[in-house]
Amino acid sequence: LLSVTFATTSGEYVDEAEEIIVQEIKTLCGSLVTQEELDASCGRMKDVYYEGFRVSPDTIQQLILDATSNGDPDLLTVHAYPNEVKTLGRRKILAVANKYLNQNYMRLVFTPA
């Protein structure tokens, strides 16, 4: 799930946001991200993951429930996430973008809040 949330005072800004999102998707599908972008994204993913543990007991509870419900009582999948982030590479991101960021898997929907 890719979700973008923003507030605006004018419909014109919605059109502009849509153009930016579509352009970013085309860029992701058309070329490798830079190493700097990859490093920043991976760092952010790990930060958000650890922050969820620090500030949200609900997040921890849901991760534990999901893991145990899916046959992982030792929570190996929960603890594996930071190492999985390390395996992300520029070519892998390009391949995933091309596989999923297209009309078969994605729709842009804009609605008022």
N, C-alpha and C. Protein backbone atom coordinates (compact mmCIF):
# COMPACT_ATOMS: atom_id res chain seq x y z
N LEU A 1 0.85 -1.17 0.00
CA LEU A 1 0.00 0.00 0.00
C LEU A 1 0.88 1.22 0.00
N LEU A 2 0.67 2.07 -0.94
CA LEU A 2 1.35 3.35 -1.02
C LEU A 2 0.29 4.40 -0.76
N SER A 3 0.47 5.20 0.26
CA SER A 3 -0.53 6.18 0.63
C SER A 3 0.12 7.54 0.77
N VAL A 4 -0.49 8.54 0.17
CA VAL A 4 -0.03 9.92 0.28
C VAL A 4 -1.19 10.73 0.82
N THR A 5 -0.95 11.45 1.88
CA THR A 5 -1.99 12.28 2.48
C THR A 5 -1.51 13.72 2.51
N PHE A 6 -2.36 14.61 2.07
CA PHE A 6 -2.02 16.03 2.15
C PHE A 6 -3.30 16.85 2.23
N ALA A 7 -3.17 18.03 2.78
CA ALA A 7 -4.31 18.95 2.88
C ALA A 7 -4.02 20.14 1.97
N THR A 8 -5.07 20.66 1.37
CA THR A 8 -4.89 21.78 0.46
C THR A 8 -6.10 22.70 0.51
N THR A 9 -5.89 23.91 0.08
CA THR A 9 -6.99 24.89 0.06
C THR A 9 -7.59 25.04 -1.32
N SER A 10 -7.04 24.34 -2.30
CA SER A 10 -7.51 24.52 -3.67
C SER A 10 -7.36 23.22 -4.47
N GLY A 11 -8.33 22.99 -5.35
CA GLY A 11 -8.26 21.84 -6.24
C GLY A 11 -7.08 21.88 -7.18
N GLU A 12 -6.59 23.08 -7.46
CA GLU A 12 -5.42 23.21 -8.33
C GLU A 12 -4.22 22.48 -7.75
N TYR A 13 -4.09 22.52 -6.44
CA TYR A 13 -2.98 21.85 -5.80
C TYR A 13 -3.10 20.34 -5.89
N VAL A 14 -4.32 19.85 -5.94
CA VAL A 14 -4.54 18.40 -6.11
C VAL A 14 -4.01 17.98 -7.47
N ASP A 15 -4.31 18.76 -8.50
CA ASP A 15 -3.80 18.46 -9.84
C ASP A 15 -2.28 18.46 -9.86
N GLU A 16 -1.69 19.45 -9.20
CA GLU A 16 -0.24 19.54 -9.14
C GLU A 16 0.35 18.33 -8.40
N ALA A 17 -0.27 17.96 -7.29
CA ALA A 17 0.20 16.79 -6.53
C ALA A 17 0.12 15.53 -7.37
N GLU A 18 -0.98 15.37 -8.10
CA GLU A 18 -1.12 14.20 -8.96
C GLU A 18 -0.01 14.14 -10.00
N GLU A 19 0.30 15.28 -10.60
CA GLU A 19 1.38 15.32 -11.59
C GLU A 19 2.72 14.93 -10.97
N ILE A 20 2.98 15.42 -9.77
CA ILE A 20 4.24 15.10 -9.08
C ILE A 20 4.31 13.61 -8.77
N ILE A 21 3.22 13.04 -8.27
CA ILE A 21 3.20 11.62 -7.93
C ILE A 21 3.41 10.76 -9.17
N VAL A 22 2.71 11.08 -10.24
CA VAL A 22 2.86 10.32 -11.49
C VAL A 22 4.29 10.42 -12.00
N GLN A 23 4.88 11.61 -11.93
CA GLN A 23 6.26 11.79 -12.40
C GLN A 23 7.23 10.97 -11.54
N GLU A 24 7.02 10.97 -10.24
CA GLU A 24 7.90 10.19 -9.35
C GLU A 24 7.79 8.69 -9.66
N ILE A 25 6.58 8.23 -9.93
CA ILE A 25 6.38 6.82 -10.27
C ILE A 25 7.09 6.49 -11.58
N LYS A 26 6.97 7.37 -12.56
CA LYS A 26 7.66 7.15 -13.84
C LYS A 26 9.17 7.11 -13.64
N THR A 27 9.67 7.98 -12.77
CA THR A 27 11.10 8.01 -12.50
C THR A 27 11.54 6.71 -11.82
N LEU A 28 10.76 6.25 -10.83
CA LEU A 28 11.09 4.99 -10.16
C LEU A 28 11.11 3.83 -11.13
N CYS A 29 10.19 3.83 -12.07
CA CYS A 29 10.09 2.74 -13.04
C CYS A 29 11.09 2.87 -14.18
N GLY A 30 11.65 4.04 -14.35
CA GLY A 30 12.50 4.28 -15.51
C GLY A 30 13.99 4.26 -15.27
N SER A 31 14.39 4.42 -14.01
CA SER A 31 15.83 4.47 -13.75
C SER A 31 16.13 4.08 -12.31
N LEU A 32 17.37 3.72 -12.09
CA LEU A 32 17.79 3.35 -10.75
C LEU A 32 17.78 4.56 -9.83
N VAL A 33 17.37 4.36 -8.58
CA VAL A 33 17.49 5.44 -7.60
C VAL A 33 18.98 5.65 -7.35
N THR A 34 19.33 6.83 -6.89
CA THR A 34 20.73 7.08 -6.57
C THR A 34 21.09 6.35 -5.28
N GLN A 35 22.37 6.15 -5.07
CA GLN A 35 22.81 5.50 -3.84
C GLN A 35 22.42 6.34 -2.62
N GLU A 36 22.47 7.66 -2.78
CA GLU A 36 22.09 8.56 -1.68
C GLU A 36 20.61 8.41 -1.33
N GLU A 37 19.76 8.29 -2.36
CA GLU A 37 18.33 8.08 -2.12
C GLU A 37 18.08 6.74 -1.43
N LEU A 38 18.78 5.72 -1.89
CA LEU A 38 18.64 4.40 -1.28
C LEU A 38 19.06 4.43 0.18
N ASP A 39 20.21 5.02 0.47
CA ASP A 39 20.69 5.08 1.84
C ASP A 39 19.72 5.85 2.74
N ALA A 40 19.21 6.97 2.24
CA ALA A 40 18.27 7.77 3.02
C ALA A 40 16.97 7.01 3.27
N SER A 41 16.47 6.33 2.25
CA SER A 41 15.22 5.58 2.39
C SER A 41 15.38 4.42 3.36
N CYS A 42 16.47 3.70 3.25
CA CYS A 42 16.71 2.57 4.16
C CYS A 42 16.85 3.06 5.60
N GLY A 43 17.55 4.15 5.77
CA GLY A 43 17.68 4.72 7.11
C GLY A 43 16.34 5.13 7.68
N ARG A 44 15.52 5.74 6.86
CA ARG A 44 14.20 6.16 7.31
C ARG A 44 13.32 4.95 7.65
N MET A 45 13.38 3.90 6.84
CA MET A 45 12.57 2.70 7.12
C MET A 45 12.95 2.10 8.46
N LYS A 46 14.26 2.05 8.75
CA LYS A 46 14.68 1.51 10.04
C LYS A 46 14.26 2.43 11.19
N ASP A 47 14.39 3.74 10.99
CA ASP A 47 13.99 4.69 12.04
C ASP A 47 12.51 4.56 12.37
N VAL A 48 11.66 4.47 11.34
CA VAL A 48 10.22 4.35 11.54
C VAL A 48 9.90 3.03 12.26
N TYR A 49 10.58 1.97 11.88
CA TYR A 49 10.39 0.66 12.51
C TYR A 49 10.69 0.75 14.01
N TYR A 50 11.86 1.26 14.36
CA TYR A 50 12.23 1.35 15.77
C TYR A 50 11.36 2.35 16.53
N GLU A 51 10.99 3.42 15.88
CA GLU A 51 10.12 4.42 16.51
C GLU A 51 8.77 3.80 16.86
N GLY A 52 8.27 2.91 16.01
CA GLY A 52 7.01 2.23 16.30
C GLY A 52 7.07 1.44 17.60
N PHE A 53 8.22 0.85 17.87
CA PHE A 53 8.38 0.12 19.12
C PHE A 53 8.43 1.06 20.32
N ARG A 54 9.05 2.22 20.12
CA ARG A 54 9.20 3.16 21.24
C ARG A 54 7.90 3.84 21.63
N VAL A 55 7.08 4.17 20.63
CA VAL A 55 5.93 5.04 20.93
C VAL A 55 4.57 4.38 20.77
N SER A 56 4.52 3.19 20.24
CA SER A 56 3.21 2.61 19.96
C SER A 56 3.10 1.17 20.42
N PRO A 57 2.55 0.96 21.62
CA PRO A 57 2.32 -0.41 22.05
C PRO A 57 1.39 -1.18 21.10
N ASP A 58 0.49 -0.46 20.44
CA ASP A 58 -0.41 -1.11 19.49
C ASP A 58 0.36 -1.71 18.32
N THR A 59 1.40 -1.02 17.89
CA THR A 59 2.22 -1.52 16.78
C THR A 59 2.89 -2.82 17.19
N ILE A 60 3.46 -2.85 18.36
CA ILE A 60 4.13 -4.06 18.84
C ILE A 60 3.12 -5.20 18.95
N GLN A 61 1.99 -4.89 19.53
CA GLN A 61 0.96 -5.92 19.69
C GLN A 61 0.54 -6.49 18.34
N GLN A 62 0.32 -5.62 17.35
CA GLN A 62 -0.10 -6.09 16.03
C GLN A 62 0.98 -6.93 15.36
N LEU A 63 2.23 -6.52 15.47
CA LEU A 63 3.33 -7.31 14.90
C LEU A 63 3.41 -8.70 15.53
N ILE A 64 3.23 -8.76 16.84
CA ILE A 64 3.28 -10.04 17.53
C ILE A 64 2.10 -10.91 17.11
N LEU A 65 0.91 -10.32 17.05
CA LEU A 65 -0.27 -11.08 16.62
C LEU A 65 -0.11 -11.60 15.19
N ASP A 66 0.36 -10.73 14.30
CA ASP A 66 0.54 -11.13 12.90
C ASP A 66 1.55 -12.28 12.79
N ALA A 67 2.66 -12.15 13.49
CA ALA A 67 3.70 -13.17 13.41
C ALA A 67 3.22 -14.51 13.96
N THR A 68 2.63 -14.47 15.15
CA THR A 68 2.20 -15.74 15.75
C THR A 68 1.04 -16.35 14.97
N SER A 69 0.18 -15.53 14.43
CA SER A 69 -0.94 -16.05 13.63
C SER A 69 -0.47 -16.69 12.33
N ASN A 70 0.71 -16.28 11.87
CA ASN A 70 1.25 -16.81 10.63
C ASN A 70 2.36 -17.83 10.87
N GLY A 71 2.32 -18.48 12.05
CA GLY A 71 3.24 -19.57 12.32
C GLY A 71 4.64 -19.17 12.73
N ASP A 72 4.79 -17.99 13.31
CA ASP A 72 6.10 -17.52 13.72
C ASP A 72 6.09 -17.14 15.21
N PRO A 73 5.93 -18.12 16.10
CA PRO A 73 5.84 -17.81 17.53
C PRO A 73 7.14 -17.25 18.11
N ASP A 74 8.27 -17.47 17.43
CA ASP A 74 9.54 -16.94 17.92
C ASP A 74 9.81 -15.52 17.41
N LEU A 75 8.87 -14.99 16.62
CA LEU A 75 8.94 -13.61 16.10
C LEU A 75 10.17 -13.36 15.23
N LEU A 76 10.57 -14.39 14.51
CA LEU A 76 11.75 -14.25 13.65
C LEU A 76 11.53 -13.19 12.57
N THR A 77 10.33 -13.16 12.01
CA THR A 77 10.05 -12.17 10.96
C THR A 77 10.09 -10.75 11.49
N VAL A 78 9.62 -10.57 12.72
CA VAL A 78 9.64 -9.23 13.33
C VAL A 78 11.07 -8.75 13.50
N HIS A 79 11.93 -9.63 14.00
CA HIS A 79 13.31 -9.24 14.25
C HIS A 79 14.15 -9.19 12.97
N ALA A 80 13.67 -9.80 11.90
CA ALA A 80 14.44 -9.85 10.65
C ALA A 80 14.33 -8.56 9.84
N TYR A 81 13.32 -7.74 10.11
CA TYR A 81 13.06 -6.57 9.26
C TYR A 81 14.29 -5.68 9.06
N PRO A 82 14.99 -5.26 10.12
CA PRO A 82 16.16 -4.38 9.88
C PRO A 82 17.20 -5.01 8.95
N ASN A 83 17.40 -6.32 9.06
CA ASN A 83 18.35 -6.99 8.17
C ASN A 83 17.82 -7.08 6.75
N GLU A 84 16.51 -7.24 6.60
CA GLU A 84 15.92 -7.28 5.27
C GLU A 84 16.07 -5.93 4.56
N VAL A 85 15.96 -4.85 5.33
CA VAL A 85 16.14 -3.52 4.74
C VAL A 85 17.54 -3.40 4.15
N LYS A 86 18.52 -4.00 4.82
CA LYS A 86 19.90 -3.96 4.32
C LYS A 86 20.07 -4.64 2.97
N THR A 87 19.15 -5.58 2.66
CA THR A 87 19.28 -6.31 1.38
C THR A 87 18.70 -5.55 0.20
N LEU A 88 18.03 -4.43 0.48
CA LEU A 88 17.47 -3.66 -0.62
C LEU A 88 18.60 -3.09 -1.47
N GLY A 89 18.40 -3.18 -2.76
CA GLY A 89 19.39 -2.63 -3.67
C GLY A 89 18.69 -1.79 -4.73
N ARG A 90 19.46 -1.04 -5.44
CA ARG A 90 18.90 -0.15 -6.46
C ARG A 90 18.17 -0.93 -7.55
N ARG A 91 18.73 -2.04 -7.99
CA ARG A 91 18.09 -2.84 -9.04
C ARG A 91 16.82 -3.53 -8.53
N LYS A 92 16.83 -3.93 -7.28
CA LYS A 92 15.65 -4.56 -6.69
C LYS A 92 14.49 -3.56 -6.63
N ILE A 93 14.78 -2.34 -6.27
CA ILE A 93 13.75 -1.30 -6.21
C ILE A 93 13.19 -1.04 -7.61
N LEU A 94 14.06 -0.97 -8.59
CA LEU A 94 13.61 -0.76 -9.97
C LEU A 94 12.72 -1.92 -10.43
N ALA A 95 13.12 -3.15 -10.12
CA ALA A 95 12.33 -4.31 -10.53
C ALA A 95 10.96 -4.32 -9.87
N VAL A 96 10.91 -4.02 -8.58
CA VAL A 96 9.63 -3.99 -7.86
C VAL A 96 8.75 -2.86 -8.38
N ALA A 97 9.34 -1.70 -8.64
CA ALA A 97 8.58 -0.58 -9.18
C ALA A 97 7.94 -0.95 -10.51
N ASN A 98 8.72 -1.58 -11.37
CA ASN A 98 8.18 -1.97 -12.68
C ASN A 98 7.12 -3.06 -12.58
N LYS A 99 7.24 -3.91 -11.57
CA LYS A 99 6.27 -4.98 -11.40
C LYS A 99 4.94 -4.46 -10.86
N TYR A 100 4.98 -3.54 -9.89
CA TYR A 100 3.77 -3.17 -9.17
C TYR A 100 3.24 -1.76 -9.43
N LEU A 101 4.06 -0.84 -9.87
CA LEU A 101 3.59 0.53 -10.08
C LEU A 101 3.09 0.70 -11.52
N ASN A 102 2.02 0.00 -11.81
CA ASN A 102 1.41 0.09 -13.13
C ASN A 102 -0.10 -0.08 -12.99
N GLN A 103 -0.82 -0.01 -14.09
CA GLN A 103 -2.28 -0.05 -14.03
C GLN A 103 -2.85 -1.37 -13.55
N ASN A 104 -2.06 -2.43 -13.56
CA ASN A 104 -2.54 -3.71 -13.07
C ASN A 104 -2.61 -3.78 -11.55
N TYR A 105 -1.81 -2.98 -10.88
CA TYR A 105 -1.73 -3.07 -9.43
C TYR A 105 -2.05 -1.76 -8.71
N MET A 106 -2.18 -0.67 -9.40
CA MET A 106 -2.23 0.62 -8.74
C MET A 106 -3.31 1.53 -9.32
N ARG A 107 -3.93 2.27 -8.44
CA ARG A 107 -4.88 3.31 -8.83
C ARG A 107 -4.60 4.55 -7.99
N LEU A 108 -4.64 5.68 -8.63
CA LEU A 108 -4.57 6.94 -7.90
C LEU A 108 -5.97 7.40 -7.59
N VAL A 109 -6.24 7.66 -6.31
CA VAL A 109 -7.57 8.09 -5.90
C VAL A 109 -7.40 9.34 -5.06
N PHE A 110 -8.07 10.39 -5.45
CA PHE A 110 -8.03 11.64 -4.71
C PHE A 110 -9.43 11.95 -4.23
N THR A 111 -9.56 12.11 -2.92
CA THR A 111 -10.87 12.43 -2.34
C THR A 111 -10.70 13.49 -1.27
N PRO A 112 -11.75 14.28 -1.05
CA PRO A 112 -11.67 15.24 0.06
C PRO A 112 -11.68 14.49 1.39
N ALA A 113 -11.00 15.06 2.35
CA ALA A 113 -10.95 14.43 3.69
C ALA A 113 -12.26 14.61 4.42
